[in-house]
Amino acid sequence: APIESVVHARAELPIAWLPLRPGRFAADPFGVHVDGTLHVFFEDYDQREGRGTIAHACMGSDGSWTEPETVLDVGVHASYPYLIEDQGETFMLPETSAARELILYRATDWPRGWQPVATLLAGFPAVDASVTRVGDRWWMFATSADRGPTHNLFIWHAPALTGPWEPH
């Protein structure tokens, strides 16, 4: 549901949960409607491996889910698959703080194919980076895994989604 409907809800809203799977949990869901289908990207954490990958599932109009499938495995823990639409294309900015870089991916074969298009931050372990456009500038907000993931908000800005990103 749009965030406005959640914020202004006066009654309990219906919730459609992702299916439970032994040894795994889903976190950080980001959804987007495409051609009448709700596509949800999320962290798929494998408890045996101790790391997450980015998975995808679709929710039907009846509340049923397709089987989750991995769409991005970068070799380190990946989570928070922040989705961005810009100039008719869809991008994903997953957290990969263990790699100490923040890479922007572009959808090349929706919804399963993702290719890196730019390294937005190199040498910085960004946690849960979120971007927004205000006027003619892009703004990015994140914390640092080195300083505690819930401490010290860092802010950058750029003329384009692909950068160059400068500290604020």
C-alpha atoms as a PDB file:
ATOM      1  CA  ALA A   1       0.000   0.000   0.000  1.00  0.00           C
ATOM      2  CA  PRO A   2       1.192   3.555  -0.498  1.00  0.00           C
ATOM      3  CA  ILE A   3       2.867   4.930   2.622  1.00  0.00           C
ATOM      4  CA  GLU A   4       0.191   7.637   2.949  1.00  0.00           C
ATOM      5  CA  SER A   5      -2.518   5.001   3.410  1.00  0.00           C
ATOM      6  CA  VAL A   6      -0.476   3.292   6.133  1.00  0.00           C
ATOM      7  CA  VAL A   7       0.278   6.527   7.970  1.00  0.00           C
ATOM      8  CA  HIS A   8      -3.342   7.684   7.933  1.00  0.00           C
ATOM      9  CA  ALA A   9      -4.958   4.279   8.548  1.00  0.00           C
ATOM     10  CA  ARG A  10      -7.492   4.302  11.344  1.00  0.00           C
ATOM     11  CA  ALA A  11      -7.895   0.539  11.432  1.00  0.00           C
ATOM     12  CA  GLU A  12      -5.626  -2.466  11.165  1.00  0.00           C
ATOM     13  CA  LEU A  13      -4.470  -3.029   7.606  1.00  0.00           C
ATOM     14  CA  PRO A  14      -4.386  -6.491   6.021  1.00  0.00           C
ATOM     15  CA  ILE A  15      -0.864  -7.900   5.764  1.00  0.00           C
ATOM     16  CA  ALA A  16       0.361 -10.505   3.267  1.00  0.00           C
ATOM     17  CA  TRP A  17       3.455 -12.191   4.710  1.00  0.00           C
ATOM     18  CA  LEU A  18       6.196 -13.728   2.621  1.00  0.00           C
ATOM     19  CA  PRO A  19       6.178 -17.531   2.980  1.00  0.00           C
ATOM     20  CA  LEU A  20       8.171 -19.001   5.878  1.00  0.00           C
ATOM     21  CA  ARG A  21      11.121 -21.180   4.851  1.00  0.00           C
ATOM     22  CA  PRO A  22      13.150 -23.301   7.289  1.00  0.00           C
ATOM     23  CA  GLY A  23      16.671 -21.997   7.898  1.00  0.00           C
ATOM     24  CA  ARG A  24      15.994 -18.674   6.159  1.00  0.00           C
ATOM     25  CA  PHE A  25      14.398 -15.350   6.886  1.00  0.00           C
ATOM     26  CA  ALA A  26      13.288 -12.465   4.719  1.00  0.00           C
ATOM     27  CA  ALA A  27      14.048  -8.848   5.618  1.00  0.00           C
ATOM     28  CA  ASP A  28      14.101  -5.347   4.114  1.00  0.00           C
ATOM     29  CA  PRO A  29      11.337  -5.774   1.506  1.00  0.00           C
ATOM     30  CA  PHE A  30      11.020  -3.236  -1.305  1.00  0.00           C
ATOM     31  CA  GLY A  31       8.061  -3.522  -3.648  1.00  0.00           C
ATOM     32  CA  VAL A  32       7.134  -2.076  -6.993  1.00  0.00           C
ATOM     33  CA  HIS A  33       4.060  -2.571  -9.163  1.00  0.00           C
ATOM     34  CA  VAL A  34       4.852  -3.423 -12.782  1.00  0.00           C
ATOM     35  CA  ASP A  35       2.070  -4.246 -15.245  1.00  0.00           C
ATOM     36  CA  GLY A  36      -0.377  -4.947 -12.411  1.00  0.00           C
ATOM     37  CA  THR A  37       1.939  -7.306 -10.510  1.00  0.00           C
ATOM     38  CA  LEU A  38       3.565  -6.521  -7.174  1.00  0.00           C
ATOM     39  CA  HIS A  39       7.260  -7.443  -7.379  1.00  0.00           C
ATOM     40  CA  VAL A  40       8.999  -7.642  -3.997  1.00  0.00           C
ATOM     41  CA  PHE A  41      12.783  -7.667  -3.602  1.00  0.00           C
ATOM     42  CA  PHE A  42      14.208  -8.549  -0.195  1.00  0.00           C
ATOM     43  CA  GLU A  43      17.166  -9.829   1.774  1.00  0.00           C
ATOM     44  CA  ASP A  44      17.059 -13.623   1.783  1.00  0.00           C
ATOM     45  CA  TYR A  45      19.202 -14.558   4.783  1.00  0.00           C
ATOM     46  CA  ASP A  46      20.525 -18.120   4.825  1.00  0.00           C
ATOM     47  CA  GLN A  47      21.196 -19.038   8.467  1.00  0.00           C
ATOM     48  CA  ARG A  48      23.586 -21.885   7.536  1.00  0.00           C
ATOM     49  CA  GLU A  49      25.789 -19.626   5.407  1.00  0.00           C
ATOM     50  CA  GLY A  50      25.379 -16.598   7.676  1.00  0.00           C
ATOM     51  CA  ARG A  51      24.804 -14.160   4.839  1.00  0.00           C
ATOM     52  CA  GLY A  52      22.074 -12.718   2.713  1.00  0.00           C
ATOM     53  CA  THR A  53      21.445 -12.500  -0.994  1.00  0.00           C
ATOM     54  CA  ILE A  54      18.819 -10.450  -2.813  1.00  0.00           C
ATOM     55  CA  ALA A  55      15.714 -12.424  -3.717  1.00  0.00           C
ATOM     56  CA  HIS A  56      12.501 -11.686  -5.590  1.00  0.00           C
ATOM     57  CA  ALA A  57       8.916 -12.912  -5.318  1.00  0.00           C
ATOM     58  CA  CYS A  58       5.606 -11.732  -6.772  1.00  0.00           C
ATOM     59  CA  MET A  59       2.356 -11.356  -4.896  1.00  0.00           C
ATOM     60  CA  GLY A  60      -0.837 -12.229  -6.731  1.00  0.00           C
ATOM     61  CA  SER A  61      -4.077 -10.279  -6.373  1.00  0.00           C
ATOM     62  CA  ASP A  62      -5.341 -13.097  -4.109  1.00  0.00           C
ATOM     63  CA  GLY A  63      -2.416 -12.622  -1.681  1.00  0.00           C
ATOM     64  CA  SER A  64      -0.529 -15.702  -2.845  1.00  0.00           C
ATOM     65  CA  TRP A  65       3.246 -15.600  -3.447  1.00  0.00           C
ATOM     66  CA  THR A  66       5.489 -17.035  -6.113  1.00  0.00           C
ATOM     67  CA  GLU A  67       8.457 -19.076  -4.920  1.00  0.00           C
ATOM     68  CA  PRO A  68      11.287 -16.702  -3.933  1.00  0.00           C
ATOM     69  CA  GLU A  69      14.305 -16.805  -6.219  1.00  0.00           C
ATOM     70  CA  THR A  70      17.771 -15.293  -5.897  1.00  0.00           C
ATOM     71  CA  VAL A  71      18.295 -12.401  -8.307  1.00  0.00           C
ATOM     72  CA  LEU A  72      21.564 -10.946  -6.973  1.00  0.00           C
ATOM     73  CA  ASP A  73      24.421 -12.736  -5.182  1.00  0.00           C
ATOM     74  CA  VAL A  74      27.530 -10.557  -4.954  1.00  0.00           C
ATOM     75  CA  GLY A  75      29.615 -12.964  -2.846  1.00  0.00           C
ATOM     76  CA  VAL A  76      29.273 -10.990   0.402  1.00  0.00           C
ATOM     77  CA  HIS A  77      26.286 -10.322   2.627  1.00  0.00           C
ATOM     78  CA  ALA A  78      23.722  -8.301   0.685  1.00  0.00           C
ATOM     79  CA  SER A  79      20.580  -6.710   2.107  1.00  0.00           C
ATOM     80  CA  TYR A  80      18.325  -3.645   1.848  1.00  0.00           C
ATOM     81  CA  PRO A  81      17.662  -3.762  -1.921  1.00  0.00           C
ATOM     82  CA  TYR A  82      16.653  -0.106  -2.259  1.00  0.00           C
ATOM     83  CA  LEU A  83      14.785   0.382  -5.555  1.00  0.00           C
ATOM     84  CA  ILE A  84      14.990   3.577  -7.606  1.00  0.00           C
ATOM     85  CA  GLU A  85      13.194   4.545 -10.792  1.00  0.00           C
ATOM     86  CA  ASP A  86      14.976   7.139 -12.919  1.00  0.00           C
ATOM     87  CA  GLN A  87      14.490   8.147 -16.537  1.00  0.00           C
ATOM     88  CA  GLY A  88      12.323   5.109 -17.304  1.00  0.00           C
ATOM     89  CA  GLU A  89      14.754   2.578 -15.842  1.00  0.00           C
ATOM     90  CA  THR A  90      14.795   0.649 -12.576  1.00  0.00           C
ATOM     91  CA  PHE A  91      17.874   0.565 -10.372  1.00  0.00           C
ATOM     92  CA  MET A  92      18.769  -1.255  -7.174  1.00  0.00           C
ATOM     93  CA  LEU A  93      21.156  -0.068  -4.466  1.00  0.00           C
ATOM     94  CA  PRO A  94      21.728  -3.084  -2.182  1.00  0.00           C
ATOM     95  CA  GLU A  95      23.730  -2.826   1.000  1.00  0.00           C
ATOM     96  CA  THR A  96      27.072  -4.607   0.671  1.00  0.00           C
ATOM     97  CA  SER A  97      28.948  -2.953   3.539  1.00  0.00           C
ATOM     98  CA  ALA A  98      31.194  -6.036   3.951  1.00  0.00           C
ATOM     99  CA  ALA A  99      32.667  -5.230   0.518  1.00  0.00           C
ATOM    100  CA  ARG A 100      33.315  -1.610   1.617  1.00  0.00           C
ATOM    101  CA  GLU A 101      31.699  -0.280  -1.533  1.00  0.00           C
ATOM    102  CA  LEU A 102      28.256   0.768  -2.663  1.00  0.00           C
ATOM    103  CA  ILE A 103      27.348  -0.314  -6.178  1.00  0.00           C
ATOM    104  CA  LEU A 104      24.326   0.783  -8.191  1.00  0.00           C
ATOM    105  CA  TYR A 105      22.718  -1.954 -10.329  1.00  0.00           C
ATOM    106  CA  ARG A 106      20.401  -1.475 -13.319  1.00  0.00           C
ATOM    107  CA  ALA A 107      17.661  -3.917 -14.274  1.00  0.00           C
ATOM    108  CA  THR A 108      18.635  -5.471 -17.597  1.00  0.00           C
ATOM    109  CA  ASP A 109      16.223  -8.416 -17.704  1.00  0.00           C
ATOM    110  CA  TRP A 110      13.329  -7.541 -15.401  1.00  0.00           C
ATOM    111  CA  PRO A 111      13.069  -8.763 -12.669  1.00  0.00           C
ATOM    112  CA  ARG A 112      15.936 -11.275 -12.621  1.00  0.00           C
ATOM    113  CA  GLY A 113      18.802  -9.577 -14.450  1.00  0.00           C
ATOM    114  CA  TRP A 114      20.853  -6.864 -12.700  1.00  0.00           C
ATOM    115  CA  GLN A 115      24.114  -5.352 -13.941  1.00  0.00           C
ATOM    116  CA  PRO A 116      26.441  -2.983 -12.062  1.00  0.00           C
ATOM    117  CA  VAL A 117      26.470   0.508 -13.604  1.00  0.00           C
ATOM    118  CA  ALA A 118      28.412   2.627 -11.101  1.00  0.00           C
ATOM    119  CA  THR A 119      30.296   2.455  -7.830  1.00  0.00           C
ATOM    120  CA  LEU A 120      28.716   5.258  -5.842  1.00  0.00           C
ATOM    121  CA  LEU A 121      31.011   4.944  -2.801  1.00  0.00           C
ATOM    122  CA  ALA A 122      34.383   3.176  -2.738  1.00  0.00           C
ATOM    123  CA  GLY A 123      36.137   2.312   0.521  1.00  0.00           C
ATOM    124  CA  PHE A 124      33.097   3.173   2.645  1.00  0.00           C
ATOM    125  CA  PRO A 125      31.009   0.461   4.388  1.00  0.00           C
ATOM    126  CA  ALA A 126      27.615   2.108   3.818  1.00  0.00           C
ATOM    127  CA  VAL A 127      24.690   0.648   5.762  1.00  0.00           C
ATOM    128  CA  ASP A 128      21.168   0.916   4.303  1.00  0.00           C
ATOM    129  CA  ALA A 129      21.882   3.706   1.824  1.00  0.00           C
ATOM    130  CA  SER A 130      18.753   5.520   0.646  1.00  0.00           C
ATOM    131  CA  VAL A 131      18.594   8.088  -2.139  1.00  0.00           C
ATOM    132  CA  THR A 132      16.081  10.706  -3.178  1.00  0.00           C
ATOM    133  CA  ARG A 133      15.957  13.443  -5.759  1.00  0.00           C
ATOM    134  CA  VAL A 134      15.232  17.006  -4.678  1.00  0.00           C
ATOM    135  CA  GLY A 135      15.102  19.477  -7.539  1.00  0.00           C
ATOM    136  CA  ASP A 136      18.116  18.922  -9.751  1.00  0.00           C
ATOM    137  CA  ARG A 137      20.234  17.048  -7.157  1.00  0.00           C
ATOM    138  CA  TRP A 138      20.303  13.550  -5.763  1.00  0.00           C
ATOM    139  CA  TRP A 139      20.801  13.073  -2.020  1.00  0.00           C
ATOM    140  CA  MET A 140      22.014   9.883  -0.323  1.00  0.00           C
ATOM    141  CA  PHE A 141      21.756   9.014   3.371  1.00  0.00           C
ATOM    142  CA  ALA A 142      23.557   6.103   5.084  1.00  0.00           C
ATOM    143  CA  THR A 143      25.367   5.101   8.235  1.00  0.00           C
ATOM    144  CA  SER A 144      28.740   3.361   8.487  1.00  0.00           C
ATOM    145  CA  ALA A 145      29.331  -0.226   9.575  1.00  0.00           C
ATOM    146  CA  ASP A 146      32.630   0.966  11.099  1.00  0.00           C
ATOM    147  CA  ARG A 147      30.924   3.492  13.386  1.00  0.00           C
ATOM    148  CA  GLY A 148      27.881   1.456  14.332  1.00  0.00           C
ATOM    149  CA  PRO A 149      24.987   0.906  11.926  1.00  0.00           C
ATOM    150  CA  THR A 150      22.628   3.057  14.010  1.00  0.00           C
ATOM    151  CA  HIS A 151      25.017   5.935  14.648  1.00  0.00           C
ATOM    152  CA  ASN A 152      26.472   8.850  12.691  1.00  0.00           C
ATOM    153  CA  LEU A 153      24.322   9.615   9.674  1.00  0.00           C
ATOM    154  CA  PHE A 154      26.365  10.446   6.572  1.00  0.00           C
ATOM    155  CA  ILE A 155      24.949  12.482   3.684  1.00  0.00           C
ATOM    156  CA  TRP A 156      26.178  12.872   0.103  1.00  0.00           C
ATOM    157  CA  HIS A 157      24.820  14.694  -2.946  1.00  0.00           C
ATOM    158  CA  ALA A 158      25.299  14.353  -6.703  1.00  0.00           C
ATOM    159  CA  PRO A 159      24.054  15.895  -9.951  1.00  0.00           C
ATOM    160  CA  ALA A 160      23.099  12.445 -11.314  1.00  0.00           C
ATOM    161  CA  LEU A 161      22.159   9.105  -9.782  1.00  0.00           C
ATOM    162  CA  THR A 162      25.441   7.645 -11.024  1.00  0.00           C
ATOM    163  CA  GLY A 163      27.423  10.480  -9.394  1.00  0.00           C
ATOM    164  CA  PRO A 164      29.862  11.855  -8.740  1.00  0.00           C
ATOM    165  CA  TRP A 165      28.818  11.742  -5.060  1.00  0.00           C
ATOM    166  CA  GLU A 166      30.258  14.373  -2.733  1.00  0.00           C
ATOM    167  CA  PRO A 167      30.025  14.480   1.075  1.00  0.00           C
ATOM    168  CA  HIS A 168      27.623  17.072   2.482  1.00  0.00           C
END
